[in-house]
Each structure stands twice: as structure tokens, then as C-alpha cells.
Amino acid sequence: MAADHPGSRSEPGFIFKVLFVALVVALIAAIYTVALVFILAFGAAIVAAALNNLALPLSTRFRISHRLALGIATAGLTLVAIGFFALFGARAADRLTALAAQLPEAWREARTWLSSLAMGRWLLGLLDTMPADAATRLLSALPLAGGVLGWLANAALILVIGIYLAADSETYIEGTLALFPPSRRTRAKEILFQAGEDLRKWLIAMTLDMLFLGSVTSLGLWLIGAPFPFLLGTLSGLSVFVPYIGPILAIVPGLLLALSAGPDLAFYAGIVYLVAQQLEGNISLPLLQEWTVKMPPAISLLAIVGFGLLFGIWGVLLATPLAVVTMTIVRMAYVEDFLERKGQPLP
């Protein structure tokens, strides 16, 4: 019998790899069966990370307990939200109503303009061949069609659970680590903390990126005299949360409204959107990704599709942070600890 070489067990065997893949598939199947619970829990974890981002500087600066700093941060955010809606809520509602009222007329103007172009006539013909109830079918696929109150209730549940997670995060972390064998808990804690740190950095980077794109878009639309520049700029900024797809969709209402005032304004609005998104994609986002987790475009798009199929609209909205955490766990738990073992005995 041939003697074993010293490094013969440094590479995981085929059986172990198959078992790991089977475990991943079983985990995905389990998550799919409780998709709503999982996605609400993950959304709450994002809220907890955001609150801790605010509470940590307060706790360090004023040397107060974490819970007191968290309470101050939560109360501050609540007061800011109440003040914002009290001061600007009615105006924003009026502007949204006016925006909704102008979109049909803007679309009629757009059809008139498109019908004067060969490519436009082809596009209109393509749109006219779609079923008349296509939009209704699309909306019926969204959770919003099942009731806005249910969607808002889930959002409120995410906020409440997020506050509880942020207030007593150590208890939940220790409970999660208790699910692992004692010999693996130290490494599991490292992976869990690194995933949380990557999520925290991503949240900060995303907030700054939203502010950048929203500000540039608002300023550009205001300078060319487009209608509702700050409302449309805010929409563009928020759309960054769903990368690549969100900013493209946010262009549509701006171009339609500008087109209702004339093709020239629509042309200038298109330039504003193009310049703003180029600045965001080539300056703001790369600089922020140097500090946080770098997310390749293909991974972002696949995450939106994959998590959207698993979790619906919540999966689309939370696809990028889900991908950030998944990449960290796969890199540390699978690539580093499972595939790149150096002479360590397998469990």
C-alpha cells in the first residue's frame, strides 16, 4: 500500500465538494420555502446596520452607551422624518399628483414626435402589438397589487425588527454562532463580522452615491428649465439602490415631461441624464467602491434577476446588499476555508 504523502489531504476531496454543493442547494430550497421571512430578516439587518452607523459615532464622540446612542439616533431620524413630511409632504404630494397628471399628455406628445421618425414609428408599432392588458398583468405580479397596506406593513415590520436587532445585536449574534460546532465558532464569528462590516461600508457608499447622482441630476434639470427638477433628481438618486436598471427606469418620466414641453427640452434633459449617470458611473461609484466591496456589473444584474425570482420585489430592492453579503460568505467560507486549505486536515 502506498504511503500517504504529507500534503495529500490539503485539497478537499470530491465527496466533500459534492456534499458542500448539496448543502448549498438544500439551504437555497429552505430559504425559498420561507422566502418572506428571510427577506424581511435581511431587510431588518440592513436597518440595524444603518442605525449602528449613526449610533457608533455618537457613542464614541460623547462616550455614552450604545443603546443610548441608538435611541438618540432613532429618535433623531424619526423627528427628521416627521419634520420633513410636515414641511414638504403636502408640496411633494401636490407635485407627485401634478406629475401623474402630466404624464398622459407627455406620452401623447411623445407619440406625436416618435411618429415623425422612422425608428419611432417602428417602436410605436412594437408597443401597439403588445396586449392591451400587459400593464395590468405586470402590476398584478407585484406585491403592491395585492394591497399597498400589506407592503407597507412589511416595511414597518422591517423597521421594528431592525431596531430590535440594533439594540441587542450581541444576543442575536451569539444565538447564530451557537448553531455552529464549537471548533468552528471563532471562524464563523470572523465571517459574520466581516459580512456586517462589508454591509456597513456598502450602506455608507450607497448613501453618498445617491446624494451625488440626485444632486447632479437635480441641478442639471433645474438649469435647463425642466419641470419638477428636484423631484426627478430625488427619484434618480433613490433609483441607484437598484443598480443599472433603476437609473435607466428613472430617466423615463423625466424625458416624457421634458418632451411635453418640446423636443429641444427633451434633448437637453437626455444630455443631463447621460452626463449625470456617466459622472456617477465613472467617478463617484468607482471611488466609493475602492473603499467598499467592488461589485462587477454582471454580478449585480444576475443578483437582481436571481433574488428577484426568489423573493419578488423585495429581492429586487435588496439584491445588491444580498450579493455583497453572499460574496463575503462565499469568499471566506468556501474559497478561503474550503478550496484553499494548506495542509490542514479536513473535518
Protein backbone atom coordinates (compact mmCIF):
# COMPACT_ATOMS: atom_id res chain seq x y z
CA MET A 1 0.00 0.00 0.00
CA ALA A 2 1.39 3.36 -0.95
CA ALA A 3 2.17 5.66 1.94
CA ASP A 4 0.19 8.85 2.25
CA HIS A 5 2.05 11.97 1.32
CA PRO A 6 2.14 14.80 3.89
CA GLY A 7 0.10 17.18 1.76
CA SER A 8 -2.27 14.62 0.30
CA ARG A 9 -5.28 15.92 2.30
CA SER A 10 -4.71 19.62 1.74
CA GLU A 11 -7.13 19.61 -1.18
CA PRO A 12 -10.80 18.86 -0.38
CA GLY A 13 -11.91 15.57 -1.88
CA PHE A 14 -14.63 15.08 -4.45
CA ILE A 15 -17.10 13.71 -1.86
CA PHE A 16 -16.69 16.76 0.35
CA LYS A 17 -17.25 19.11 -2.61
CA VAL A 18 -20.40 17.24 -3.60
CA LEU A 19 -21.69 17.37 -0.04
CA PHE A 20 -20.98 21.10 0.14
CA VAL A 21 -22.86 21.77 -3.10
CA ALA A 22 -25.75 19.62 -1.85
CA LEU A 23 -25.78 21.62 1.38
CA VAL A 24 -25.92 24.89 -0.56
CA VAL A 25 -28.80 23.60 -2.71
CA ALA A 26 -30.68 22.43 0.39
CA LEU A 27 -30.11 25.81 2.02
CA ILE A 28 -31.46 27.63 -1.05
CA ALA A 29 -34.50 25.36 -1.10
CA ALA A 30 -35.12 26.02 2.59
CA ILE A 31 -34.78 29.77 2.09
CA TYR A 32 -37.22 29.62 -0.82
CA THR A 33 -39.87 27.96 1.34
CA VAL A 34 -39.64 30.77 3.89
CA ALA A 35 -38.72 33.50 1.41
CA LEU A 36 -40.73 36.28 3.01
CA VAL A 37 -39.34 35.58 6.49
CA PHE A 38 -35.79 35.51 5.19
CA ILE A 39 -36.04 38.69 3.14
CA LEU A 40 -37.74 40.58 5.98
CA ALA A 41 -34.99 39.44 8.34
CA PHE A 42 -32.31 40.57 5.91
CA GLY A 43 -34.03 43.92 5.42
CA ALA A 44 -34.09 44.30 9.19
CA ALA A 45 -30.36 43.55 9.30
CA ILE A 46 -29.79 46.40 6.83
CA VAL A 47 -31.84 48.74 9.03
CA ALA A 48 -29.82 47.62 12.05
CA ALA A 49 -26.55 48.26 10.20
CA ALA A 50 -27.74 51.73 9.19
CA LEU A 51 -28.78 52.60 12.75
CA ASN A 52 -25.46 51.34 14.10
CA ASN A 53 -23.66 53.51 11.54
CA LEU A 54 -25.36 56.51 13.13
CA ALA A 55 -25.08 55.33 16.74
CA LEU A 56 -21.39 54.41 16.69
CA PRO A 57 -20.06 57.96 16.12
CA LEU A 58 -22.41 59.31 18.79
CA SER A 59 -21.30 56.67 21.28
CA THR A 60 -17.62 57.35 20.58
CA ARG A 61 -17.87 61.15 20.48
CA PHE A 62 -19.95 61.64 23.62
CA ARG A 63 -18.82 58.48 25.47
CA ILE A 64 -22.31 57.16 26.05
CA SER A 65 -23.66 53.63 25.94
CA HIS A 66 -24.51 52.06 22.62
CA ARG A 67 -28.19 51.72 23.48
CA LEU A 68 -28.45 55.38 24.48
CA ALA A 69 -26.72 56.43 21.26
CA LEU A 70 -29.03 54.13 19.30
CA GLY A 71 -32.06 55.67 21.00
CA ILE A 72 -30.84 59.17 20.16
CA ALA A 73 -30.16 58.21 16.55
CA THR A 74 -33.57 56.53 16.15
CA ALA A 75 -35.39 59.46 17.77
CA GLY A 76 -33.43 61.91 15.63
CA LEU A 77 -34.31 60.08 12.43
CA THR A 78 -37.96 59.93 13.48
CA LEU A 79 -38.08 63.66 14.18
CA VAL A 80 -36.35 64.44 10.89
CA ALA A 81 -38.86 62.27 9.00
CA ILE A 82 -41.82 63.88 10.78
CA GLY A 83 -40.42 67.36 10.17
CA PHE A 84 -39.74 66.60 6.52
CA PHE A 85 -43.25 65.35 5.87
CA ALA A 86 -44.75 68.21 7.85
CA LEU A 87 -42.83 70.83 5.87
CA PHE A 88 -42.64 69.25 2.44
CA GLY A 89 -45.17 66.42 2.49
CA ALA A 90 -48.08 68.46 1.13
CA ARG A 91 -45.89 70.08 -1.52
CA ALA A 92 -44.41 66.74 -2.53
CA ALA A 93 -47.88 65.19 -2.75
CA ASP A 94 -49.07 68.08 -4.92
CA ARG A 95 -46.04 67.71 -7.18
CA LEU A 96 -46.49 63.96 -7.48
CA THR A 97 -50.16 64.50 -8.34
CA ALA A 98 -49.20 67.08 -10.96
CA LEU A 99 -46.50 64.76 -12.28
CA ALA A 100 -49.00 61.90 -12.63
CA ALA A 101 -51.48 64.24 -14.32
CA GLN A 102 -48.91 65.43 -16.86
CA LEU A 103 -47.56 62.01 -17.83
CA PRO A 104 -50.51 61.06 -20.12
CA GLU A 105 -50.21 64.35 -22.02
CA ALA A 106 -46.43 63.90 -22.14
CA TRP A 107 -46.92 60.42 -23.60
CA ARG A 108 -49.26 61.79 -26.28
CA GLU A 109 -46.66 64.39 -27.19
CA ALA A 110 -44.04 61.66 -27.28
CA ARG A 111 -46.13 59.54 -29.64
CA THR A 112 -46.60 62.51 -31.94
CA TRP A 113 -42.86 63.16 -32.01
CA LEU A 114 -41.96 59.47 -32.43
CA SER A 115 -44.43 59.07 -35.30
CA SER A 116 -42.39 61.62 -37.27
CA LEU A 117 -39.31 59.34 -37.17
CA ALA A 118 -38.81 56.01 -38.92
CA MET A 119 -37.33 54.39 -35.82
CA GLY A 120 -40.07 55.96 -33.73
CA ARG A 121 -42.81 54.50 -35.93
CA TRP A 122 -41.22 51.08 -35.61
CA LEU A 123 -41.10 51.42 -31.81
CA LEU A 124 -44.72 52.57 -31.65
CA GLY A 125 -45.76 49.66 -33.83
CA LEU A 126 -43.96 47.29 -31.47
CA LEU A 127 -45.71 48.83 -28.47
CA ASP A 128 -49.09 48.68 -30.18
CA THR A 129 -48.72 44.94 -30.77
CA MET A 130 -48.48 44.30 -27.02
CA PRO A 131 -51.67 43.07 -25.33
CA ALA A 132 -53.88 45.84 -24.01
CA ASP A 133 -53.78 44.40 -20.51
CA ALA A 134 -49.99 43.92 -20.44
CA ALA A 135 -49.50 46.71 -17.91
CA THR A 136 -52.27 45.30 -15.73
CA ARG A 137 -50.68 41.85 -15.83
CA LEU A 138 -47.32 43.34 -14.90
CA LEU A 139 -48.75 45.20 -11.94
CA SER A 140 -50.65 42.13 -10.80
CA ALA A 141 -47.31 40.32 -10.49
CA LEU A 142 -46.10 42.83 -7.93
CA PRO A 143 -46.87 42.60 -4.21
CA LEU A 144 -48.23 46.13 -4.46
CA ALA A 145 -51.14 44.82 -6.49
CA GLY A 146 -52.06 42.59 -3.57
CA GLY A 147 -52.53 45.64 -1.39
CA VAL A 148 -50.42 48.65 -0.57
CA LEU A 149 -51.21 48.19 3.11
CA GLY A 150 -49.61 44.75 3.13
CA TRP A 151 -46.46 46.09 1.52
CA LEU A 152 -46.30 48.97 3.98
CA ALA A 153 -46.89 46.56 6.86
CA ASN A 154 -43.86 44.53 5.76
CA ALA A 155 -41.79 47.72 5.54
CA ALA A 156 -42.89 48.72 9.05
CA LEU A 157 -42.04 45.22 10.31
CA ILE A 158 -38.56 45.53 8.82
CA LEU A 159 -38.03 48.83 10.65
CA VAL A 160 -39.24 47.49 14.01
CA ILE A 161 -37.19 44.28 13.79
CA GLY A 162 -34.18 46.32 12.66
CA ILE A 163 -34.40 48.47 15.78
CA TYR A 164 -34.53 45.35 17.99
CA LEU A 165 -31.55 43.85 16.16
CA ALA A 166 -29.52 47.04 16.56
CA ALA A 167 -30.40 47.36 20.25
CA ASP A 168 -29.31 43.86 21.22
CA SER A 169 -27.11 42.67 18.37
CA GLU A 170 -24.79 40.62 20.60
CA THR A 171 -27.63 38.34 21.71
CA TYR A 172 -28.63 37.57 18.13
CA ILE A 173 -25.02 37.10 17.04
CA GLU A 174 -24.32 34.67 19.88
CA GLY A 175 -27.52 32.79 19.07
CA THR A 176 -26.44 32.45 15.46
CA LEU A 177 -22.95 31.27 16.41
CA ALA A 178 -24.46 28.63 18.73
CA LEU A 179 -25.72 26.85 15.60
CA PHE A 180 -22.09 26.03 14.63
CA PRO A 181 -19.82 23.39 16.20
CA PRO A 182 -17.64 24.85 18.99
CA SER A 183 -14.49 24.35 16.92
CA ARG A 184 -15.94 26.49 14.11
CA ARG A 185 -17.46 29.33 16.11
CA THR A 186 -14.38 31.55 16.10
CA ARG A 187 -14.11 31.43 12.30
CA ALA A 188 -17.89 31.77 11.91
CA LYS A 189 -17.73 34.90 14.06
CA GLU A 190 -14.96 36.34 11.85
CA ILE A 191 -17.03 35.70 8.73
CA LEU A 192 -20.18 37.14 10.30
CA PHE A 193 -18.40 40.28 11.45
CA GLN A 194 -16.68 40.75 8.08
CA ALA A 195 -20.04 40.40 6.28
CA GLY A 196 -21.50 43.00 8.64
CA GLU A 197 -18.57 45.34 8.06
CA ASP A 198 -18.87 45.00 4.28
CA LEU A 199 -22.61 45.70 4.55
CA ARG A 200 -21.95 48.77 6.72
CA LYS A 201 -19.43 50.17 4.23
CA TRP A 202 -21.78 49.46 1.34
CA LEU A 203 -24.57 51.39 3.06
CA ILE A 204 -22.35 54.43 3.57
CA ALA A 205 -21.08 54.29 -0.01
CA MET A 206 -24.61 53.87 -1.39
CA THR A 207 -25.88 56.87 0.58
CA LEU A 208 -23.08 59.07 -0.76
CA ASP A 209 -23.65 57.78 -4.31
CA MET A 210 -27.38 58.54 -4.06
CA LEU A 211 -26.68 62.07 -2.87
CA PHE A 212 -24.20 62.62 -5.70
CA LEU A 213 -26.43 61.42 -8.53
CA GLY A 214 -29.54 63.08 -7.12
CA SER A 215 -27.78 66.42 -6.67
CA VAL A 216 -26.17 66.43 -10.13
CA THR A 217 -29.41 65.41 -11.85
CA SER A 218 -31.49 67.98 -9.95
CA LEU A 219 -29.04 70.77 -10.70
CA GLY A 220 -28.82 69.89 -14.38
CA LEU A 221 -32.59 69.65 -14.86
CA TRP A 222 -33.08 72.92 -12.99
CA LEU A 223 -30.52 74.72 -15.18
CA ILE A 224 -32.24 73.68 -18.42
CA GLY A 225 -35.69 74.58 -17.05
CA ALA A 226 -37.14 71.07 -16.92
CA PRO A 227 -40.34 70.59 -14.89
CA PHE A 228 -40.05 69.14 -11.37
CA PRO A 229 -36.22 69.09 -11.36
CA PHE A 230 -35.71 68.30 -7.68
CA LEU A 231 -38.43 65.66 -7.57
CA LEU A 232 -36.97 63.94 -10.63
CA GLY A 233 -33.45 64.30 -9.22
CA THR A 234 -34.57 62.66 -5.97
CA LEU A 235 -36.10 59.83 -7.99
CA SER A 236 -32.79 59.36 -9.84
CA GLY A 237 -30.85 59.32 -6.58
CA LEU A 238 -33.11 56.71 -4.99
CA SER A 239 -33.00 54.59 -8.13
CA VAL A 240 -29.30 53.87 -7.53
CA PHE A 241 -30.38 51.36 -4.88
CA VAL A 242 -31.27 49.05 -7.80
CA PRO A 243 -28.08 49.46 -9.88
CA TYR A 244 -28.07 49.84 -13.68
CA ILE A 245 -31.78 49.05 -14.06
CA GLY A 246 -33.11 51.63 -11.59
CA PRO A 247 -31.34 54.70 -13.04
CA ILE A 248 -32.44 53.76 -16.56
CA LEU A 249 -36.07 53.48 -15.49
CA ALA A 250 -35.81 56.80 -13.63
CA ILE A 251 -35.00 58.54 -16.92
CA VAL A 252 -38.40 57.75 -18.47
CA PRO A 253 -40.63 60.20 -16.52
CA GLY A 254 -38.06 63.00 -16.88
CA LEU A 255 -37.82 62.61 -20.64
CA LEU A 256 -41.59 62.35 -21.05
CA LEU A 257 -42.19 65.52 -19.06
CA ALA A 258 -39.47 67.36 -20.93
CA LEU A 259 -40.88 66.13 -24.24
CA SER A 260 -44.28 67.56 -23.33
CA ALA A 261 -42.61 70.99 -23.36
CA GLY A 262 -40.87 70.34 -26.65
CA PRO A 263 -38.30 68.07 -28.36
CA ASP A 264 -35.47 70.53 -27.64
CA LEU A 265 -36.02 70.35 -23.88
CA ALA A 266 -36.23 66.55 -24.07
CA PHE A 267 -32.91 66.51 -25.93
CA TYR A 268 -31.24 68.66 -23.25
CA ALA A 269 -32.82 66.56 -20.49
CA GLY A 270 -31.39 63.45 -22.11
CA ILE A 271 -27.95 65.06 -22.09
CA VAL A 272 -28.35 65.93 -18.40
CA TYR A 273 -29.27 62.35 -17.52
CA LEU A 274 -26.43 60.98 -19.66
CA VAL A 275 -23.81 63.29 -18.12
CA ALA A 276 -25.07 62.71 -14.57
CA GLN A 277 -25.03 58.93 -14.92
CA GLN A 278 -21.62 58.96 -16.61
CA LEU A 279 -20.21 61.03 -13.76
CA GLU A 280 -21.81 58.69 -11.24
CA GLY A 281 -20.65 55.55 -13.03
CA ASN A 282 -17.09 56.69 -13.80
CA ILE A 283 -16.22 58.95 -10.87
CA SER A 284 -18.49 58.58 -7.86
CA LEU A 285 -19.12 54.83 -7.92
CA PRO A 286 -15.51 53.71 -8.67
CA LEU A 287 -14.11 55.95 -5.93
CA LEU A 288 -16.61 54.60 -3.42
CA GLN A 289 -16.02 51.01 -4.49
CA GLU A 290 -12.31 51.42 -3.78
CA TRP A 291 -13.32 51.74 -0.14
CA THR A 292 -16.17 49.27 -0.03
CA VAL A 293 -16.91 45.97 -1.79
CA LYS A 294 -16.42 46.12 -5.55
CA MET A 295 -19.45 44.69 -7.34
CA PRO A 296 -18.91 43.71 -11.02
CA PRO A 297 -21.81 44.75 -13.28
CA ALA A 298 -22.59 41.17 -14.33
CA ILE A 299 -22.85 40.08 -10.69
CA SER A 300 -25.18 43.00 -9.89
CA LEU A 301 -27.52 42.20 -12.79
CA LEU A 302 -27.54 38.47 -12.05
CA ALA A 303 -28.25 39.24 -8.39
CA ILE A 304 -31.24 41.38 -9.36
CA VAL A 305 -32.65 38.61 -11.56
CA GLY A 306 -31.86 35.74 -9.19
CA PHE A 307 -33.00 37.34 -5.94
CA GLY A 308 -35.98 38.85 -7.75
CA LEU A 309 -37.11 35.35 -8.75
CA LEU A 310 -36.59 34.10 -5.20
CA PHE A 311 -38.08 36.97 -3.21
CA GLY A 312 -40.13 39.08 -5.63
CA ILE A 313 -40.00 42.87 -5.44
CA TRP A 314 -38.18 42.78 -2.10
CA GLY A 315 -35.48 40.65 -3.70
CA VAL A 316 -35.04 43.24 -6.47
CA LEU A 317 -34.80 46.11 -3.98
CA LEU A 318 -32.33 44.28 -1.72
CA ALA A 319 -30.43 42.41 -4.43
CA THR A 320 -27.18 44.38 -4.14
CA PRO A 321 -26.75 44.13 -0.34
CA LEU A 322 -27.70 40.46 -0.56
CA ALA A 323 -24.99 40.00 -3.19
CA VAL A 324 -22.46 41.86 -1.02
CA VAL A 325 -23.07 39.57 1.95
CA THR A 326 -23.19 36.45 -0.23
CA MET A 327 -19.86 37.31 -1.89
CA THR A 328 -18.21 37.80 1.50
CA ILE A 329 -19.50 34.49 2.86
CA VAL A 330 -18.58 32.56 -0.29
CA ARG A 331 -15.09 34.10 -0.39
CA MET A 332 -14.29 33.38 3.25
CA ALA A 333 -16.22 30.19 3.98
CA TYR A 334 -15.88 28.41 0.65
CA VAL A 335 -12.87 29.79 -1.26
CA GLU A 336 -10.52 30.50 1.65
CA ASP A 337 -11.55 27.80 4.13
CA PHE A 338 -12.65 25.02 1.80
CA LEU A 339 -10.82 25.29 -1.52
CA GLU A 340 -7.54 26.92 -0.47
CA ARG A 341 -6.70 24.83 2.56
CA LYS A 342 -2.95 24.47 3.01
CA GLY A 343 -2.10 21.20 4.66
CA GLN A 344 -5.00 21.37 7.14
CA PRO A 345 -6.86 18.15 7.89
CA LEU A 346 -10.42 18.06 6.67
CA PRO A 347 -13.16 17.88 9.30
